[in-house]
Structure formats: C-alpha cells, structure tokens
C-alpha cells in the first residue's frame, strides 16, 4: 500500500483540523469554568453578608484584597 503525496497532505490537514477543534473546545470549557467559579464566589460572599446590591469590579477586587468580609462576620 502506497500513499500518494495528496493523501498524506490530506491526512495531516485533517489531523491538524481535529486538533484545533479539540483545543478550542478545551479552551472554551476552561474559560467557562473559570467564569462560573468567579461569579459563584462573588455571589456567595456577597449574599453571606446580605449585601444585595451589585458591586463594580473595582469594588469587588478591593473587597477581596483587603478581606473586608472578616469584619462583617463577627458582628
């Protein structure tokens, strides 16, 4: 059995195409998991404090960075 050059090139391009599709699926899955974790963390920490208003990204970053939630848990 001999493969012609066209068949070999077609096989290589098919493998590259499948690899690109699977890597895109893996990237999308990882980014969605990361987004879901950040949103669930934001919701659970703010609802634990009964803080019903929406926080901006900058406020929430400061909220996490300085651990403001520790002061509210004790009172």
PDB file of N, CA and C in Angstrom:
ATOM      1  N   UNK A   1       0.826  -1.174   0.000  1.00  0.00           N
ATOM      2  CA  UNK A   1       0.000   0.000   0.000  1.00  0.00           C
ATOM      3  C   UNK A   1       0.876   1.245   0.000  1.00  0.00           C
ATOM      4  N   UNK A   2       0.695   2.025  -0.977  1.00  0.00           N
ATOM      5  CA  UNK A   2       1.469   3.262  -1.033  1.00  0.00           C
ATOM      6  C   UNK A   2       0.516   4.446  -0.939  1.00  0.00           C
ATOM      7  N   UNK A   3       0.958   5.429  -0.232  1.00  0.00           N
ATOM      8  CA  UNK A   3       0.185   6.662  -0.119  1.00  0.00           C
ATOM      9  C   UNK A   3       0.770   7.698  -1.056  1.00  0.00           C
ATOM     10  N   UNK A   4      -0.087   8.347  -1.747  1.00  0.00           N
ATOM     11  CA  UNK A   4       0.410   9.431  -2.589  1.00  0.00           C
ATOM     12  C   UNK A   4       0.597  10.677  -1.722  1.00  0.00           C
ATOM     13  N   UNK A   5       1.254  11.644  -2.259  1.00  0.00           N
ATOM     14  CA  UNK A   5       1.509  12.873  -1.512  1.00  0.00           C
ATOM     15  C   UNK A   5       0.212  13.600  -1.155  1.00  0.00           C
ATOM     16  N   UNK A   6      -0.743  13.556  -2.038  1.00  0.00           N
ATOM     17  CA  UNK A   6      -2.017  14.236  -1.784  1.00  0.00           C
ATOM     18  C   UNK A   6      -2.746  13.586  -0.612  1.00  0.00           C
ATOM     19  N   UNK A   7      -2.727  12.252  -0.545  1.00  0.00           N
ATOM     20  CA  UNK A   7      -3.362  11.561   0.578  1.00  0.00           C
ATOM     21  C   UNK A   7      -2.656  11.871   1.894  1.00  0.00           C
ATOM     22  N   UNK A   8      -1.341  11.944   1.873  1.00  0.00           N
ATOM     23  CA  UNK A   8      -0.590  12.258   3.088  1.00  0.00           C
ATOM     24  C   UNK A   8      -0.874  13.685   3.552  1.00  0.00           C
ATOM     25  N   UNK A   9      -0.918  14.620   2.624  1.00  0.00           N
ATOM     26  CA  UNK A   9      -1.221  16.011   2.974  1.00  0.00           C
ATOM     27  C   UNK A   9      -2.647  16.129   3.508  1.00  0.00           C
ATOM     28  N   UNK A  10      -3.577  15.413   2.896  1.00  0.00           N
ATOM     29  CA  UNK A  10      -4.961  15.432   3.360  1.00  0.00           C
ATOM     30  C   UNK A  10      -5.068  14.858   4.772  1.00  0.00           C
ATOM     31  N   UNK A  11      -4.352  13.810   5.055  1.00  0.00           N
ATOM     32  CA  UNK A  11      -4.351  13.209   6.385  1.00  0.00           C
ATOM     33  C   UNK A  11      -3.763  14.170   7.420  1.00  0.00           C
ATOM     34  N   UNK A  12      -2.670  14.820   7.083  1.00  0.00           N
ATOM     35  CA  UNK A  12      -2.041  15.778   8.001  1.00  0.00           C
ATOM     36  C   UNK A  12      -2.967  16.961   8.260  1.00  0.00           C
ATOM     37  N   UNK A  13      -3.597  17.491   7.226  1.00  0.00           N
ATOM     38  CA  UNK A  13      -4.520  18.615   7.405  1.00  0.00           C
ATOM     39  C   UNK A  13      -5.740  18.221   8.235  1.00  0.00           C
ATOM     40  N   UNK A  14      -6.219  17.006   8.064  1.00  0.00           N
ATOM     41  CA  UNK A  14      -7.343  16.524   8.865  1.00  0.00           C
ATOM     42  C   UNK A  14      -6.960  16.422  10.331  1.00  0.00           C
ATOM     43  N   UNK A  15      -5.780  15.910  10.616  1.00  0.00           N
ATOM     44  CA  UNK A  15      -5.310  15.796  12.000  1.00  0.00           C
ATOM     45  C   UNK A  15      -5.137  17.183  12.616  1.00  0.00           C
ATOM     46  N   UNK A  16      -4.582  18.118  11.865  1.00  0.00           N
ATOM     47  CA  UNK A  16      -4.412  19.488  12.366  1.00  0.00           C
ATOM     48  C   UNK A  16      -5.771  20.132  12.638  1.00  0.00           C
ATOM     49  N   UNK A  17      -6.718  19.932  11.748  1.00  0.00           N
ATOM     50  CA  UNK A  17      -8.057  20.492  11.927  1.00  0.00           C
ATOM     51  C   UNK A  17      -8.728  19.922  13.175  1.00  0.00           C
ATOM     52  N   UNK A  18      -8.648  18.618  13.362  1.00  0.00           N
ATOM     53  CA  UNK A  18      -9.232  17.993  14.551  1.00  0.00           C
ATOM     54  C   UNK A  18      -8.550  18.477  15.825  1.00  0.00           C
ATOM     55  N   UNK A  19      -7.238  18.633  15.787  1.00  0.00           N
ATOM     56  CA  UNK A  19      -6.507  19.143  16.946  1.00  0.00           C
ATOM     57  C   UNK A  19      -6.958  20.561  17.291  1.00  0.00           C
ATOM     58  N   UNK A  20      -7.147  21.398  16.275  1.00  0.00           N
ATOM     59  CA  UNK A  20      -7.608  22.772  16.512  1.00  0.00           C
ATOM     60  C   UNK A  20      -9.010  22.794  17.112  1.00  0.00           C
ATOM     61  N   UNK A  21      -9.877  21.949  16.625  1.00  0.00           N
ATOM     62  CA  UNK A  21     -11.244  21.895  17.152  1.00  0.00           C
ATOM     63  C   UNK A  21     -11.244  21.461  18.610  1.00  0.00           C
ATOM     64  N   UNK A  22     -10.497  20.413  18.935  1.00  0.00           N
ATOM     65  CA  UNK A  22     -10.461  19.931  20.316  1.00  0.00           C
ATOM     66  C   UNK A  22      -9.781  20.925  21.252  1.00  0.00           C
ATOM     67  N   UNK A  23      -8.762  21.615  20.778  1.00  0.00           N
ATOM     68  CA  UNK A  23      -8.117  22.614  21.637  1.00  0.00           C
ATOM     69  C   UNK A  23      -9.047  23.802  21.876  1.00  0.00           C
ATOM     70  N   UNK A  24      -9.842  24.191  20.887  1.00  0.00           N
ATOM     71  CA  UNK A  24     -10.812  25.268  21.083  1.00  0.00           C
ATOM     72  C   UNK A  24     -11.892  24.859  22.081  1.00  0.00           C
ATOM     73  N   UNK A  25     -12.351  23.627  21.999  1.00  0.00           N
ATOM     74  CA  UNK A  25     -13.351  23.135  22.950  1.00  0.00           C
ATOM     75  C   UNK A  25     -12.781  23.127  24.362  1.00  0.00           C
ATOM     76  N   UNK A  26     -11.554  22.673  24.521  1.00  0.00           N
ATOM     77  CA  UNK A  26     -10.924  22.652  25.845  1.00  0.00           C
ATOM     78  C   UNK A  26     -10.740  24.067  26.380  1.00  0.00           C
ATOM     79  N   UNK A  27     -10.311  24.996  25.533  1.00  0.00           N
ATOM     80  CA  UNK A  27     -10.134  26.392  25.954  1.00  0.00           C
ATOM     81  C   UNK A  27     -11.464  27.007  26.378  1.00  0.00           C
ATOM     82  N   UNK A  28     -12.516  26.766  25.615  1.00  0.00           N
ATOM     83  CA  UNK A  28     -13.830  27.309  25.953  1.00  0.00           C
ATOM     84  C   UNK A  28     -14.337  26.735  27.265  1.00  0.00           C
ATOM     85  N   UNK A  29     -14.140  25.449  27.456  1.00  0.00           N
ATOM     86  CA  UNK A  29     -14.584  24.803  28.691  1.00  0.00           C
ATOM     87  C   UNK A  29     -13.849  25.378  29.899  1.00  0.00           C
ATOM     88  N   UNK A  30     -12.527  25.550  29.779  1.00  0.00           N
ATOM     89  CA  UNK A  30     -11.747  26.096  30.896  1.00  0.00           C
ATOM     90  C   UNK A  30     -12.139  27.533  31.203  1.00  0.00           C
ATOM     91  N   UNK A  31     -12.370  28.342  30.178  1.00  0.00           N
ATOM     92  CA  UNK A  31     -12.736  29.737  30.431  1.00  0.00           C
ATOM     93  C   UNK A  31     -14.132  29.832  31.041  1.00  0.00           C
ATOM     94  N   UNK A  32     -15.049  28.950  30.626  1.00  0.00           N
ATOM     95  CA  UNK A  32     -16.385  28.962  31.218  1.00  0.00           C
ATOM     96  C   UNK A  32     -16.350  28.511  32.671  1.00  0.00           C
ATOM     97  N   UNK A  33     -15.526  27.523  32.989  1.00  0.00           N
ATOM     98  CA  UNK A  33     -15.394  27.070  34.374  1.00  0.00           C
ATOM     99  C   UNK A  33     -14.807  28.183  35.230  1.00  0.00           C
ATOM    100  N   UNK A  34     -13.799  28.879  34.712  1.00  0.00           N
ATOM    101  CA  UNK A  34     -13.185  29.980  35.463  1.00  0.00           C
ATOM    102  C   UNK A  34     -14.197  31.097  35.694  1.00  0.00           C
ATOM    103  N   UNK A  35     -14.983  31.434  34.686  1.00  0.00           N
ATOM    104  CA  UNK A  35     -16.003  32.468  34.823  1.00  0.00           C
ATOM    105  C   UNK A  35     -17.065  32.045  35.826  1.00  0.00           C
ATOM    106  N   UNK A  36     -17.492  30.793  35.764  1.00  0.00           N
ATOM    107  CA  UNK A  36     -18.509  30.300  36.695  1.00  0.00           C
ATOM    108  C   UNK A  36     -18.004  30.337  38.130  1.00  0.00           C
ATOM    109  N   UNK A  37     -16.741  29.959  38.338  1.00  0.00           N
ATOM    110  CA  UNK A  37     -16.182  29.983  39.690  1.00  0.00           C
ATOM    111  C   UNK A  37     -16.099  31.401  40.226  1.00  0.00           C
ATOM    112  N   UNK A  38     -15.692  32.348  39.395  1.00  0.00           N
ATOM    113  CA  UNK A  38     -15.592  33.732  39.873  1.00  0.00           C
ATOM    114  C   UNK A  38     -16.966  34.310  40.161  1.00  0.00           C
ATOM    115  N   UNK A  39     -17.961  34.002  39.326  1.00  0.00           N
ATOM    116  CA  UNK A  39     -19.304  34.511  39.573  1.00  0.00           C
ATOM    117  C   UNK A  39     -19.930  33.869  40.803  1.00  0.00           C
ATOM    118  N   UNK A  40     -19.726  32.570  40.990  1.00  0.00           N
ATOM    119  CA  UNK A  40     -20.304  31.913  42.160  1.00  0.00           C
ATOM    120  C   UNK A  40     -19.642  32.389  43.436  1.00  0.00           C
ATOM    121  N   UNK A  41     -18.338  32.661  43.392  1.00  0.00           N
ATOM    122  CA  UNK A  41     -17.645  33.197  44.560  1.00  0.00           C
ATOM    123  C   UNK A  41     -18.173  34.585  44.887  1.00  0.00           C
ATOM    124  N   UNK A  42     -18.354  35.396  43.878  1.00  0.00           N
ATOM    125  CA  UNK A  42     -18.854  36.757  44.089  1.00  0.00           C
ATOM    126  C   UNK A  42     -20.246  36.714  44.704  1.00  0.00           C
ATOM    127  N   UNK A  43     -21.109  35.853  44.192  1.00  0.00           N
ATOM    128  CA  UNK A  43     -22.474  35.781  44.701  1.00  0.00           C
ATOM    129  C   UNK A  43     -22.514  35.226  46.117  1.00  0.00           C
ATOM    130  N   UNK A  44     -21.753  34.179  46.397  1.00  0.00           N
ATOM    131  CA  UNK A  44     -21.831  33.559  47.716  1.00  0.00           C
ATOM    132  C   UNK A  44     -21.257  34.462  48.795  1.00  0.00           C
ATOM    133  N   UNK A  45     -20.175  35.162  48.515  1.00  0.00           N
ATOM    134  CA  UNK A  45     -19.591  36.027  49.533  1.00  0.00           C
ATOM    135  C   UNK A  45     -20.455  37.251  49.792  1.00  0.00           C
ATOM    136  N   UNK A  46     -21.041  37.792  48.766  1.00  0.00           N
ATOM    137  CA  UNK A  46     -21.859  38.983  48.993  1.00  0.00           C
ATOM    138  C   UNK A  46     -23.196  38.613  49.607  1.00  0.00           C
ATOM    139  N   UNK A  47     -23.762  37.466  49.294  1.00  0.00           N
ATOM    140  CA  UNK A  47     -25.023  37.086  49.920  1.00  0.00           C
ATOM    141  C   UNK A  47     -24.814  36.621  51.349  1.00  0.00           C
ATOM    142  N   UNK A  48     -23.639  36.145  51.682  1.00  0.00           N
ATOM    143  CA  UNK A  48     -23.368  35.780  53.072  1.00  0.00           C
ATOM    144  C   UNK A  48     -23.409  37.008  53.961  1.00  0.00           C
ATOM    145  N   UNK A  49     -23.111  38.146  53.395  1.00  0.00           N
ATOM    146  CA  UNK A  49     -23.159  39.399  54.151  1.00  0.00           C
ATOM    147  C   UNK A  49     -24.491  40.118  53.989  1.00  0.00           C
ATOM    148  N   UNK A  50     -25.439  39.492  53.302  1.00  0.00           N
ATOM    149  CA  UNK A  50     -26.733  40.099  52.973  1.00  0.00           C
ATOM    150  C   UNK A  50     -26.544  41.406  52.208  1.00  0.00           C
ATOM    151  N   UNK A  51     -25.586  41.421  51.342  1.00  0.00           N
ATOM    152  CA  UNK A  51     -25.302  42.592  50.514  1.00  0.00           C
ATOM    153  C   UNK A  51     -25.973  42.368  49.178  1.00  0.00           C
ATOM    154  N   UNK A  52     -27.121  42.982  48.955  1.00  0.00           N
ATOM    155  CA  UNK A  52     -27.944  42.672  47.805  1.00  0.00           C
ATOM    156  C   UNK A  52     -27.622  43.523  46.585  1.00  0.00           C
ATOM    157  N   UNK A  53     -26.858  44.569  46.741  1.00  0.00           N
ATOM    158  CA  UNK A  53     -26.572  45.444  45.614  1.00  0.00           C
ATOM    159  C   UNK A  53     -25.426  44.886  44.778  1.00  0.00           C
ATOM    160  N   UNK A  54     -25.388  45.312  43.536  1.00  0.00           N
ATOM    161  CA  UNK A  54     -24.317  44.881  42.653  1.00  0.00           C
ATOM    162  C   UNK A  54     -23.043  45.662  42.955  1.00  0.00           C
ATOM    163  N   UNK A  55     -21.916  44.978  42.871  1.00  0.00           N
ATOM    164  CA  UNK A  55     -20.631  45.628  43.104  1.00  0.00           C
ATOM    165  C   UNK A  55     -19.916  45.783  41.774  1.00  0.00           C
ATOM    166  N   UNK A  56     -19.195  46.865  41.630  1.00  0.00           N
ATOM    167  CA  UNK A  56     -18.366  47.017  40.443  1.00  0.00           C
ATOM    168  C   UNK A  56     -17.145  46.119  40.577  1.00  0.00           C
ATOM    169  N   UNK A  57     -16.445  45.934  39.504  1.00  0.00           N
ATOM    170  CA  UNK A  57     -15.274  45.065  39.521  1.00  0.00           C
ATOM    171  C   UNK A  57     -14.202  45.622  40.449  1.00  0.00           C
ATOM    172  N   UNK A  58     -14.021  46.927  40.436  1.00  0.00           N
ATOM    173  CA  UNK A  58     -13.002  47.539  41.289  1.00  0.00           C
ATOM    174  C   UNK A  58     -13.361  47.391  42.765  1.00  0.00           C
ATOM    175  N   UNK A  59     -14.644  47.593  43.096  1.00  0.00           N
ATOM    176  CA  UNK A  59     -15.067  47.448  44.490  1.00  0.00           C
ATOM    177  C   UNK A  59     -14.917  46.009  44.961  1.00  0.00           C
ATOM    178  N   UNK A  60     -15.267  45.073  44.090  1.00  0.00           N
ATOM    179  CA  UNK A  60     -15.173  43.676  44.486  1.00  0.00           C
ATOM    180  C   UNK A  60     -13.714  43.248  44.640  1.00  0.00           C
ATOM    181  N   UNK A  61     -12.829  43.775  43.812  1.00  0.00           N
ATOM    182  CA  UNK A  61     -11.405  43.459  43.942  1.00  0.00           C
ATOM    183  C   UNK A  61     -10.868  43.976  45.267  1.00  0.00           C
ATOM    184  N   UNK A  62     -11.240  45.198  45.634  1.00  0.00           N
ATOM    185  CA  UNK A  62     -10.826  45.737  46.931  1.00  0.00           C
ATOM    186  C   UNK A  62     -11.472  44.952  48.061  1.00  0.00           C
ATOM    187  N   UNK A  63     -12.697  44.526  47.855  1.00  0.00           N
ATOM    188  CA  UNK A  63     -13.436  43.735  48.836  1.00  0.00           C
ATOM    189  C   UNK A  63     -12.697  42.431  49.130  1.00  0.00           C
ATOM    190  N   UNK A  64     -12.200  41.778  48.082  1.00  0.00           N
ATOM    191  CA  UNK A  64     -11.449  40.535  48.267  1.00  0.00           C
ATOM    192  C   UNK A  64     -10.033  40.800  48.758  1.00  0.00           C
ATOM    193  N   UNK A  65      -9.392  41.829  48.247  1.00  0.00           N
ATOM    194  CA  UNK A  65      -7.985  42.079  48.552  1.00  0.00           C
ATOM    195  C   UNK A  65      -7.773  42.403  50.025  1.00  0.00           C
ATOM    196  N   UNK A  66      -8.629  43.220  50.591  1.00  0.00           N
ATOM    197  CA  UNK A  66      -8.437  43.654  51.969  1.00  0.00           C
ATOM    198  C   UNK A  66      -9.238  42.830  52.974  1.00  0.00           C
ATOM    199  N   UNK A  67      -9.911  41.793  52.514  1.00  0.00           N
ATOM    200  CA  UNK A  67     -10.672  40.872  53.378  1.00  0.00           C
ATOM    201  C   UNK A  67     -11.650  41.624  54.280  1.00  0.00           C
ATOM    202  N   UNK A  68     -12.431  42.496  53.671  1.00  0.00           N
ATOM    203  CA  UNK A  68     -13.404  43.279  54.426  1.00  0.00           C
ATOM    204  C   UNK A  68     -14.468  42.371  55.033  1.00  0.00           C
ATOM    205  N   UNK A  69     -14.736  41.229  54.394  1.00  0.00           N
ATOM    206  CA  UNK A  69     -15.784  40.339  54.880  1.00  0.00           C
ATOM    207  C   UNK A  69     -15.492  39.819  56.278  1.00  0.00           C
ATOM    208  N   UNK A  70     -14.224  39.751  56.691  1.00  0.00           N
ATOM    209  CA  UNK A  70     -13.895  39.257  58.033  1.00  0.00           C
ATOM    210  C   UNK A  70     -14.467  40.162  59.113  1.00  0.00           C
ATOM    211  N   UNK A  71     -14.511  41.455  58.864  1.00  0.00           N
ATOM    212  CA  UNK A  71     -15.035  42.378  59.855  1.00  0.00           C
ATOM    213  C   UNK A  71     -16.546  42.239  60.008  1.00  0.00           C
ATOM    214  N   UNK A  72     -17.224  41.895  58.934  1.00  0.00           N
ATOM    215  CA  UNK A  72     -18.678  41.794  58.992  1.00  0.00           C
ATOM    216  C   UNK A  72     -19.151  40.472  59.572  1.00  0.00           C
ATOM    217  N   UNK A  73     -18.351  39.441  59.510  1.00  0.00           N
ATOM    218  CA  UNK A  73     -18.764  38.132  60.007  1.00  0.00           C
ATOM    219  C   UNK A  73     -18.884  38.150  61.525  1.00  0.00           C
ATOM    220  N   UNK A  74     -18.034  38.883  62.205  1.00  0.00           N
ATOM    221  CA  UNK A  74     -18.024  38.877  63.663  1.00  0.00           C
ATOM    222  C   UNK A  74     -19.160  39.687  64.263  1.00  0.00           C
ATOM    223  N   UNK A  75     -19.761  40.598  63.503  1.00  0.00           N
ATOM    224  CA  UNK A  75     -20.815  41.447  64.071  1.00  0.00           C
ATOM    225  C   UNK A  75     -22.185  41.002  63.678  1.00  0.00           C
TER     226      UNK A  75
END
